Structure formats: C-alpha cells, structure tokens
Amino acid sequence: MSTGNNASNVNTVAINGLGFREVYLILRKQFAVNCSIGSYEKGLSIVVPMLVNGAFACELLLKSLNPSLNRGHKLKTELFDKLKDTTKQDIINRFIVKSKNTYDETTFNSDFIKNEELFVDWRYFHEKSNHASLGFLDLLIQTLYDFMKDNNIFEDSSPDY
C-alpha cells in the first residue's frame, strides 16, 4: 500500500474501518439469529470474530479522525482521548442520545475504559478471561459511523443493516 498523502491515508483508514464494521454487523446479525432460534453453540462460535472485527472497526474509525494517530490499540486512552475536545464531546453527546439516555458522560467514560482493549483482549481470548460489553460496542460503532457520515469524513455506499 502506498503511503500517499495524508488525506488519502485518512480516507483509506476510514474505508478499512467501514469494512471491518460491515463484517461486525453481519456477524452481529447472525449471532442474534442463532441465539433467537436457540442455537447458542453456533452463536457463541462467532462471538470472538464478531468482537475482534467490531473493536478493530472502532480503532480504525478513531484513527481516521486524527491522522497523527497511527499506532495503538487502546480505544479510549490512546485514541479517543487524543481527539479534539469538540470532536470528543460531539461523539459523547451522540452516544448518550443513541443510548436513549441509559448512559451519561460518567458511565460512557467508565464503560469505554472497561472495553478499551477489546481488540487485543479478544484477539487473544484463549490466553485469559476477558470482558466485553456488546451493548457498548454496538453503540460506539454506530455513533462513530454516524459522526463520520454527518461530517463527510468518507463517502459511504455501505448498506445499513
């Protein structure tokens, strides 16, 4: 892959983030279907790939919002906290609204910290017990996607699932 100019790199990172988001959404839908028909074993078999894809989507989308962030996997402390204050506050506000006010800024930050290493933790899930909040991840992915779409960060032609 060419390093090219900064704008095209940001767009490439965002587009790759969208790709991982799409895979997450497909797996998330299949997980819900499997669980709804009582096929819990099949549902559980896709949890790890679903979480890894979702976490990596968030990582790439956050990195595309700040071109100087090209390293790190910690979603909150290494990526989100390094965004402009106005961007962070906009994302937090959108997240709270999307959660139908089940979150406030304190619970958002608390759950973000608890889930900030989802990519690393679940990529190596077999090495230790791990925590994941699927509800938080769902909201974060959708909030980042909506923020980027509303701010014309990428040209999106992906379907809504």
N, C-alpha and C. Protein backbone atom coordinates (compact mmCIF):
# COMPACT_ATOMS: atom_id res chain seq x y z
N MET A 1 0.84 -1.18 0.00
CA MET A 1 0.00 0.00 0.00
C MET A 1 0.88 1.23 0.00
N SER A 2 0.55 2.17 -0.80
CA SER A 2 1.28 3.43 -0.89
C SER A 2 0.99 4.30 0.32
N THR A 3 2.01 5.06 0.74
CA THR A 3 1.79 5.96 1.87
C THR A 3 1.08 7.22 1.42
N GLY A 4 1.25 7.65 0.18
CA GLY A 4 0.49 8.75 -0.39
C GLY A 4 0.39 9.97 0.49
N ASN A 5 -0.61 10.81 0.19
CA ASN A 5 -0.79 12.00 1.02
C ASN A 5 -1.68 11.70 2.21
N ASN A 6 -1.67 12.61 3.15
CA ASN A 6 -2.38 12.42 4.42
C ASN A 6 -3.88 12.23 4.22
N ALA A 7 -4.49 13.01 3.33
CA ALA A 7 -5.94 12.92 3.12
C ALA A 7 -6.33 11.56 2.58
N SER A 8 -5.55 11.04 1.64
CA SER A 8 -5.89 9.72 1.10
C SER A 8 -5.65 8.63 2.13
N ASN A 9 -4.63 8.79 2.99
CA ASN A 9 -4.41 7.82 4.06
C ASN A 9 -5.57 7.79 5.04
N VAL A 10 -6.07 8.97 5.40
CA VAL A 10 -7.21 9.06 6.31
C VAL A 10 -8.41 8.37 5.69
N ASN A 11 -8.65 8.63 4.42
CA ASN A 11 -9.78 8.02 3.74
C ASN A 11 -9.60 6.50 3.66
N THR A 12 -8.39 6.03 3.40
CA THR A 12 -8.12 4.60 3.36
C THR A 12 -8.37 3.96 4.71
N VAL A 13 -7.93 4.59 5.76
CA VAL A 13 -8.16 4.07 7.11
C VAL A 13 -9.65 4.04 7.40
N ALA A 14 -10.36 5.10 7.05
CA ALA A 14 -11.81 5.15 7.28
C ALA A 14 -12.53 4.07 6.48
N ILE A 15 -12.15 3.90 5.23
CA ILE A 15 -12.78 2.88 4.38
C ILE A 15 -12.50 1.48 4.94
N ASN A 16 -11.28 1.24 5.39
CA ASN A 16 -10.97 -0.05 6.02
C ASN A 16 -11.79 -0.24 7.30
N GLY A 17 -11.94 0.83 8.06
CA GLY A 17 -12.79 0.77 9.25
C GLY A 17 -14.22 0.40 8.90
N LEU A 18 -14.71 0.96 7.80
CA LEU A 18 -16.07 0.62 7.35
C LEU A 18 -16.16 -0.86 6.98
N GLY A 19 -15.11 -1.38 6.37
CA GLY A 19 -15.11 -2.80 6.00
C GLY A 19 -15.21 -3.70 7.23
N PHE A 20 -14.43 -3.39 8.25
CA PHE A 20 -14.49 -4.18 9.49
C PHE A 20 -15.84 -3.99 10.19
N ARG A 21 -16.41 -2.79 10.07
CA ARG A 21 -17.74 -2.54 10.62
C ARG A 21 -18.78 -3.42 9.92
N GLU A 22 -18.68 -3.52 8.60
CA GLU A 22 -19.62 -4.34 7.84
C GLU A 22 -19.56 -5.80 8.28
N VAL A 23 -18.35 -6.32 8.45
CA VAL A 23 -18.20 -7.71 8.89
C VAL A 23 -18.77 -7.87 10.29
N TYR A 24 -18.50 -6.90 11.18
CA TYR A 24 -19.07 -6.93 12.52
C TYR A 24 -20.60 -7.00 12.46
N LEU A 25 -21.20 -6.13 11.63
CA LEU A 25 -22.66 -6.09 11.56
C LEU A 25 -23.25 -7.39 11.02
N ILE A 26 -22.58 -7.98 10.06
CA ILE A 26 -23.04 -9.27 9.52
C ILE A 26 -22.97 -10.34 10.61
N LEU A 27 -21.84 -10.40 11.31
CA LEU A 27 -21.69 -11.39 12.38
C LEU A 27 -22.65 -11.11 13.53
N ARG A 28 -22.87 -9.84 13.83
CA ARG A 28 -23.78 -9.46 14.92
C ARG A 28 -25.20 -9.92 14.61
N LYS A 29 -25.59 -9.72 13.36
CA LYS A 29 -26.93 -10.15 12.94
C LYS A 29 -27.06 -11.67 13.03
N GLN A 30 -26.03 -12.38 12.57
CA GLN A 30 -26.07 -13.85 12.62
C GLN A 30 -26.05 -14.34 14.07
N PHE A 31 -25.31 -13.67 14.92
CA PHE A 31 -25.28 -14.02 16.34
C PHE A 31 -26.69 -13.90 16.93
N ALA A 32 -27.37 -12.81 16.63
CA ALA A 32 -28.73 -12.59 17.15
C ALA A 32 -29.69 -13.66 16.61
N VAL A 33 -29.56 -13.99 15.33
CA VAL A 33 -30.42 -15.02 14.74
C VAL A 33 -30.17 -16.36 15.42
N ASN A 34 -28.90 -16.75 15.55
CA ASN A 34 -28.57 -18.02 16.19
C ASN A 34 -29.13 -18.10 17.60
N CYS A 35 -28.97 -17.04 18.36
CA CYS A 35 -29.47 -17.05 19.74
C CYS A 35 -30.99 -17.07 19.78
N SER A 36 -31.65 -16.37 18.85
CA SER A 36 -33.11 -16.31 18.86
C SER A 36 -33.76 -17.65 18.51
N ILE A 37 -33.04 -18.49 17.78
CA ILE A 37 -33.61 -19.80 17.44
C ILE A 37 -33.08 -20.91 18.36
N GLY A 38 -32.38 -20.49 19.40
CA GLY A 38 -31.90 -21.47 20.38
C GLY A 38 -30.62 -22.18 19.99
N SER A 39 -29.95 -21.69 18.96
CA SER A 39 -28.68 -22.29 18.52
C SER A 39 -27.53 -21.55 19.20
N TYR A 40 -27.46 -21.70 20.52
CA TYR A 40 -26.48 -20.94 21.31
C TYR A 40 -25.05 -21.34 20.98
N GLU A 41 -24.80 -22.59 20.69
CA GLU A 41 -23.44 -23.03 20.36
C GLU A 41 -22.96 -22.34 19.09
N LYS A 42 -23.82 -22.27 18.07
CA LYS A 42 -23.45 -21.56 16.84
C LYS A 42 -23.25 -20.08 17.12
N GLY A 43 -24.13 -19.53 17.97
CA GLY A 43 -23.99 -18.11 18.33
C GLY A 43 -22.68 -17.83 19.01
N LEU A 44 -22.33 -18.68 19.96
CA LEU A 44 -21.08 -18.48 20.69
C LEU A 44 -19.85 -18.67 19.80
N SER A 45 -19.97 -19.48 18.76
CA SER A 45 -18.82 -19.74 17.90
C SER A 45 -18.40 -18.50 17.10
N ILE A 46 -19.27 -17.52 16.98
CA ILE A 46 -18.89 -16.32 16.22
C ILE A 46 -18.67 -15.10 17.10
N VAL A 47 -18.76 -15.27 18.42
CA VAL A 47 -18.57 -14.13 19.32
C VAL A 47 -17.18 -13.52 19.17
N VAL A 48 -16.15 -14.34 19.18
CA VAL A 48 -14.78 -13.81 19.12
C VAL A 48 -14.54 -13.06 17.81
N PRO A 49 -14.80 -13.65 16.64
CA PRO A 49 -14.59 -12.87 15.42
C PRO A 49 -15.45 -11.61 15.35
N MET A 50 -16.66 -11.69 15.90
CA MET A 50 -17.54 -10.53 15.90
C MET A 50 -16.92 -9.40 16.73
N LEU A 51 -16.47 -9.69 17.95
CA LEU A 51 -15.88 -8.68 18.82
C LEU A 51 -14.58 -8.12 18.26
N VAL A 52 -13.74 -8.99 17.71
CA VAL A 52 -12.46 -8.53 17.15
C VAL A 52 -12.70 -7.59 15.98
N ASN A 53 -13.63 -7.96 15.10
CA ASN A 53 -13.94 -7.08 13.96
C ASN A 53 -14.55 -5.77 14.41
N GLY A 54 -15.44 -5.82 15.40
CA GLY A 54 -16.05 -4.59 15.91
C GLY A 54 -15.04 -3.68 16.56
N ALA A 55 -14.17 -4.25 17.38
CA ALA A 55 -13.15 -3.44 18.06
C ALA A 55 -12.17 -2.85 17.06
N PHE A 56 -11.79 -3.63 16.06
CA PHE A 56 -10.85 -3.11 15.06
C PHE A 56 -11.52 -2.03 14.21
N ALA A 57 -12.80 -2.17 13.94
CA ALA A 57 -13.53 -1.12 13.22
C ALA A 57 -13.46 0.18 14.00
N CYS A 58 -13.74 0.12 15.31
CA CYS A 58 -13.68 1.32 16.15
C CYS A 58 -12.28 1.92 16.13
N GLU A 59 -11.27 1.06 16.23
CA GLU A 59 -9.89 1.54 16.22
C GLU A 59 -9.58 2.30 14.94
N LEU A 60 -9.92 1.73 13.82
CA LEU A 60 -9.62 2.38 12.54
C LEU A 60 -10.44 3.66 12.35
N LEU A 61 -11.71 3.64 12.75
CA LEU A 61 -12.52 4.85 12.62
C LEU A 61 -11.98 5.96 13.51
N LEU A 62 -11.57 5.64 14.72
CA LEU A 62 -10.97 6.66 15.60
C LEU A 62 -9.65 7.17 15.01
N LYS A 63 -8.84 6.28 14.48
CA LYS A 63 -7.57 6.72 13.89
C LYS A 63 -7.80 7.63 12.69
N SER A 64 -8.85 7.40 11.95
CA SER A 64 -9.12 8.24 10.78
C SER A 64 -9.57 9.65 11.19
N LEU A 65 -10.01 9.81 12.42
CA LEU A 65 -10.42 11.14 12.90
C LEU A 65 -9.24 11.98 13.36
N ASN A 66 -8.08 11.37 13.53
CA ASN A 66 -6.88 12.09 13.94
C ASN A 66 -5.69 11.46 13.22
N PRO A 67 -5.30 12.03 12.07
CA PRO A 67 -4.24 11.43 11.26
C PRO A 67 -2.92 11.20 11.98
N SER A 68 -2.67 11.90 13.08
CA SER A 68 -1.41 11.69 13.81
C SER A 68 -1.44 10.39 14.62
N LEU A 69 -2.61 9.79 14.75
CA LEU A 69 -2.73 8.54 15.50
C LEU A 69 -2.61 7.36 14.55
N ASN A 70 -1.43 6.80 14.48
CA ASN A 70 -1.27 5.64 13.60
C ASN A 70 -0.81 4.40 14.35
N ARG A 71 -0.69 4.51 15.66
CA ARG A 71 -0.30 3.37 16.47
C ARG A 71 -1.18 3.31 17.70
N GLY A 72 -1.29 2.12 18.25
CA GLY A 72 -2.04 1.94 19.49
C GLY A 72 -3.35 1.23 19.27
N HIS A 73 -3.73 0.46 20.28
CA HIS A 73 -4.98 -0.30 20.23
C HIS A 73 -5.95 0.10 21.33
N LYS A 74 -5.50 0.89 22.30
CA LYS A 74 -6.39 1.25 23.41
C LYS A 74 -7.37 2.32 22.94
N LEU A 75 -8.60 1.90 22.79
CA LEU A 75 -9.61 2.74 22.16
C LEU A 75 -9.81 4.08 22.87
N LYS A 76 -9.82 4.08 24.19
CA LYS A 76 -10.08 5.34 24.89
C LYS A 76 -8.81 6.14 25.12
N THR A 77 -7.85 5.58 25.86
CA THR A 77 -6.71 6.39 26.30
C THR A 77 -5.71 6.71 25.18
N GLU A 78 -5.55 5.82 24.22
CA GLU A 78 -4.58 6.09 23.14
C GLU A 78 -5.21 6.73 21.91
N LEU A 79 -6.52 6.57 21.75
CA LEU A 79 -7.15 7.07 20.52
C LEU A 79 -8.20 8.15 20.80
N PHE A 80 -9.27 7.79 21.47
CA PHE A 80 -10.37 8.73 21.70
C PHE A 80 -9.89 9.97 22.47
N ASP A 81 -9.16 9.78 23.54
CA ASP A 81 -8.72 10.91 24.37
C ASP A 81 -7.79 11.86 23.63
N LYS A 82 -7.23 11.45 22.51
CA LYS A 82 -6.30 12.29 21.74
C LYS A 82 -7.03 13.12 20.67
N LEU A 83 -8.34 12.93 20.54
CA LEU A 83 -9.12 13.72 19.58
C LEU A 83 -9.32 15.14 20.10
N LYS A 84 -9.70 16.04 19.21
CA LYS A 84 -10.03 17.40 19.63
C LYS A 84 -11.17 17.35 20.64
N ASP A 85 -11.15 18.27 21.58
CA ASP A 85 -12.19 18.30 22.62
C ASP A 85 -13.59 18.41 22.01
N THR A 86 -13.74 19.22 20.99
CA THR A 86 -15.07 19.38 20.37
C THR A 86 -15.54 18.08 19.72
N THR A 87 -14.61 17.36 19.11
CA THR A 87 -14.96 16.07 18.49
C THR A 87 -15.35 15.06 19.56
N LYS A 88 -14.57 14.99 20.63
CA LYS A 88 -14.89 14.07 21.73
C LYS A 88 -16.26 14.36 22.30
N GLN A 89 -16.53 15.64 22.56
CA GLN A 89 -17.81 15.99 23.18
C GLN A 89 -18.98 15.68 22.24
N ASP A 90 -18.80 15.93 20.97
CA ASP A 90 -19.85 15.61 19.98
C ASP A 90 -20.13 14.11 19.99
N ILE A 91 -19.09 13.30 19.99
CA ILE A 91 -19.25 11.84 19.99
C ILE A 91 -19.93 11.39 21.29
N ILE A 92 -19.50 11.94 22.42
CA ILE A 92 -20.12 11.58 23.70
C ILE A 92 -21.61 11.93 23.69
N ASN A 93 -21.93 13.13 23.24
CA ASN A 93 -23.33 13.56 23.21
C ASN A 93 -24.17 12.66 22.30
N ARG A 94 -23.64 12.34 21.14
CA ARG A 94 -24.36 11.44 20.22
C ARG A 94 -24.56 10.07 20.85
N PHE A 95 -23.54 9.57 21.51
CA PHE A 95 -23.61 8.26 22.15
C PHE A 95 -24.72 8.25 23.22
N ILE A 96 -24.76 9.28 24.03
CA ILE A 96 -25.77 9.37 25.09
C ILE A 96 -27.18 9.38 24.49
N VAL A 97 -27.37 10.17 23.44
CA VAL A 97 -28.67 10.22 22.77
C VAL A 97 -29.02 8.86 22.18
N LYS A 98 -28.05 8.25 21.50
CA LYS A 98 -28.27 6.95 20.87
C LYS A 98 -28.60 5.88 21.91
N SER A 99 -28.06 6.04 23.13
CA SER A 99 -28.33 5.07 24.20
C SER A 99 -29.69 5.32 24.87
N LYS A 100 -30.41 6.32 24.36
CA LYS A 100 -31.70 6.72 24.96
C LYS A 100 -31.51 7.10 26.43
N ASN A 101 -30.40 7.79 26.67
CA ASN A 101 -30.03 8.32 27.98
C ASN A 101 -29.82 7.24 29.05
N THR A 102 -29.53 6.01 28.62
CA THR A 102 -29.13 5.00 29.61
C THR A 102 -27.69 5.23 30.03
N TYR A 103 -26.96 6.02 29.22
CA TYR A 103 -25.60 6.43 29.55
C TYR A 103 -25.60 7.91 29.84
N ASP A 104 -24.67 8.31 30.70
CA ASP A 104 -24.32 9.72 30.85
C ASP A 104 -22.81 9.79 30.60
N GLU A 105 -22.21 10.95 30.72
CA GLU A 105 -20.79 11.07 30.40
C GLU A 105 -19.93 10.20 31.32
N THR A 106 -20.31 10.08 32.58
CA THR A 106 -19.54 9.27 33.53
C THR A 106 -19.59 7.79 33.17
N THR A 107 -20.78 7.28 32.89
CA THR A 107 -20.89 5.85 32.54
C THR A 107 -20.29 5.57 31.17
N PHE A 108 -20.38 6.54 30.27
CA PHE A 108 -19.71 6.39 28.97
C PHE A 108 -18.21 6.19 29.16
N ASN A 109 -17.59 7.09 29.93
CA ASN A 109 -16.14 7.00 30.16
C ASN A 109 -15.77 5.73 30.91
N SER A 110 -16.57 5.34 31.88
CA SER A 110 -16.30 4.13 32.65
C SER A 110 -16.36 2.88 31.77
N ASP A 111 -17.42 2.76 30.97
CA ASP A 111 -17.53 1.59 30.08
C ASP A 111 -16.50 1.63 28.97
N PHE A 112 -16.13 2.83 28.52
CA PHE A 112 -15.11 2.94 27.48
C PHE A 112 -13.79 2.37 28.00
N ILE A 113 -13.43 2.74 29.23
CA ILE A 113 -12.19 2.21 29.83
C ILE A 113 -12.27 0.70 29.96
N LYS A 114 -13.39 0.18 30.42
CA LYS A 114 -13.55 -1.28 30.58
C LYS A 114 -13.42 -2.02 29.25
N ASN A 115 -13.78 -1.36 28.16
CA ASN A 115 -13.81 -2.01 26.85
C ASN A 115 -12.71 -1.52 25.91
N GLU A 116 -11.77 -0.73 26.42
CA GLU A 116 -10.81 -0.09 25.51
C GLU A 116 -9.81 -1.05 24.86
N GLU A 117 -9.61 -2.22 25.44
CA GLU A 117 -8.65 -3.16 24.86
C GLU A 117 -9.34 -4.38 24.23
N LEU A 118 -10.55 -4.19 23.74
CA LEU A 118 -11.30 -5.31 23.16
C LEU A 118 -10.53 -6.00 22.04
N PHE A 119 -9.89 -5.22 21.18
CA PHE A 119 -9.20 -5.83 20.04
C PHE A 119 -8.10 -6.79 20.50
N VAL A 120 -7.25 -6.34 21.39
CA VAL A 120 -6.14 -7.18 21.87
C VAL A 120 -6.68 -8.32 22.73
N ASP A 121 -7.57 -7.97 23.67
CA ASP A 121 -8.08 -8.99 24.60
C ASP A 121 -8.80 -10.12 23.87
N TRP A 122 -9.62 -9.78 22.92
CA TRP A 122 -10.41 -10.83 22.26
C TRP A 122 -9.68 -11.48 21.10
N ARG A 123 -8.69 -10.81 20.56
CA ARG A 123 -7.86 -11.45 19.54
C ARG A 123 -7.09 -12.60 20.16
N TYR A 124 -6.75 -12.44 21.44
CA TYR A 124 -6.05 -13.49 22.19
C TYR A 124 -6.93 -14.01 23.32
N PHE A 125 -8.20 -14.22 23.03
CA PHE A 125 -9.18 -14.59 24.05
C PHE A 125 -8.81 -15.85 24.81
N HIS A 126 -8.09 -16.74 24.17
CA HIS A 126 -7.75 -18.03 24.78
C HIS A 126 -6.68 -17.90 25.87
N GLU A 127 -6.04 -16.74 25.98
CA GLU A 127 -4.95 -16.58 26.94
C GLU A 127 -5.43 -16.15 28.33
N LYS A 128 -6.62 -15.56 28.43
CA LYS A 128 -7.11 -15.10 29.73
C LYS A 128 -8.60 -14.83 29.62
N SER A 129 -9.24 -14.65 30.77
CA SER A 129 -10.66 -14.30 30.72
C SER A 129 -10.79 -12.84 30.32
N ASN A 130 -11.83 -12.52 29.60
CA ASN A 130 -11.98 -11.19 29.05
C ASN A 130 -13.37 -10.63 29.32
N HIS A 131 -13.44 -9.31 29.31
CA HIS A 131 -14.70 -8.59 29.48
C HIS A 131 -15.05 -7.95 28.14
N ALA A 132 -16.33 -7.94 27.83
CA ALA A 132 -16.81 -7.19 26.67
C ALA A 132 -18.25 -6.80 26.92
N SER A 133 -18.58 -5.59 26.57
CA SER A 133 -19.96 -5.14 26.62
C SER A 133 -20.44 -4.97 25.19
N LEU A 134 -21.23 -5.94 24.75
CA LEU A 134 -21.72 -5.90 23.38
C LEU A 134 -22.60 -4.68 23.14
N GLY A 135 -23.39 -4.31 24.13
CA GLY A 135 -24.23 -3.12 24.00
C GLY A 135 -23.40 -1.86 23.81
N PHE A 136 -22.32 -1.72 24.59
CA PHE A 136 -21.44 -0.56 24.45
C PHE A 136 -20.80 -0.55 23.06
N LEU A 137 -20.31 -1.71 22.63
CA LEU A 137 -19.66 -1.79 21.32
C LEU A 137 -20.63 -1.44 20.20
N ASP A 138 -21.85 -1.97 20.28
CA ASP A 138 -22.87 -1.64 19.27
C ASP A 138 -23.08 -0.13 19.18
N LEU A 139 -23.25 0.50 20.33
CA LEU A 139 -23.48 1.95 20.36
C LEU A 139 -22.28 2.74 19.86
N LEU A 140 -21.08 2.31 20.25
CA LEU A 140 -19.88 3.03 19.84
C LEU A 140 -19.68 2.95 18.33
N ILE A 141 -19.83 1.77 17.77
CA ILE A 141 -19.65 1.63 16.32
C ILE A 141 -20.66 2.50 15.58
N GLN A 142 -21.91 2.46 16.00
CA GLN A 142 -22.94 3.24 15.31
C GLN A 142 -22.72 4.74 15.50
N THR A 143 -22.30 5.14 16.69
CA THR A 143 -22.05 6.56 16.96
C THR A 143 -20.89 7.08 16.11
N LEU A 144 -19.80 6.33 16.05
CA LEU A 144 -18.65 6.75 15.23
C LEU A 144 -19.04 6.82 13.76
N TYR A 145 -19.77 5.82 13.30
CA TYR A 145 -20.22 5.80 11.91
C TYR A 145 -21.09 7.03 11.61
N ASP A 146 -22.07 7.30 12.46
CA ASP A 146 -22.96 8.45 12.24
C ASP A 146 -22.20 9.77 12.28
N PHE A 147 -21.27 9.90 13.24
CA PHE A 147 -20.47 11.12 13.33
C PHE A 147 -19.69 11.33 12.03
N MET A 148 -19.06 10.28 11.56
CA MET A 148 -18.24 10.41 10.35
C MET A 148 -19.10 10.69 9.12
N LYS A 149 -20.22 10.03 9.04
CA LYS A 149 -21.13 10.24 7.90
C LYS A 149 -21.65 11.69 7.92
N ASP A 150 -22.09 12.16 9.08
CA ASP A 150 -22.63 13.51 9.20
C ASP A 150 -21.58 14.58 8.94
N ASN A 151 -20.31 14.26 9.19
CA ASN A 151 -19.22 15.21 8.97
C ASN A 151 -18.46 14.96 7.67
N ASN A 152 -19.05 14.16 6.80
CA ASN A 152 -18.48 13.89 5.47
C ASN A 152 -17.03 13.42 5.53
N ILE A 153 -16.73 12.54 6.50
CA ILE A 153 -15.37 12.01 6.63
C ILE A 153 -15.08 11.02 5.51
N PHE A 154 -16.10 10.36 5.02
CA PHE A 154 -15.94 9.40 3.94
C PHE A 154 -17.19 9.42 3.08
N GLU A 155 -17.00 8.98 1.88
CA GLU A 155 -18.15 8.75 1.00
C GLU A 155 -18.61 7.35 1.28
N ASP A 156 -19.81 7.21 1.78
CA ASP A 156 -20.29 5.89 2.19
C ASP A 156 -21.32 5.36 1.21
N SER A 157 -21.07 4.15 0.77
CA SER A 157 -22.04 3.47 -0.08
C SER A 157 -22.45 2.15 0.54
N SER A 158 -22.12 1.98 1.84
CA SER A 158 -22.42 0.71 2.50
C SER A 158 -23.87 0.68 2.96
N PRO A 159 -24.45 -0.52 2.94
CA PRO A 159 -25.85 -0.63 3.35
C PRO A 159 -25.99 -0.54 4.87
N ASP A 160 -27.14 -0.14 5.32
CA ASP A 160 -27.45 -0.18 6.75
C ASP A 160 -28.05 -1.55 7.04
N TYR A 161 -27.58 -2.16 8.11
CA TYR A 161 -28.09 -3.48 8.48
C TYR A 161 -29.01 -3.35 9.66
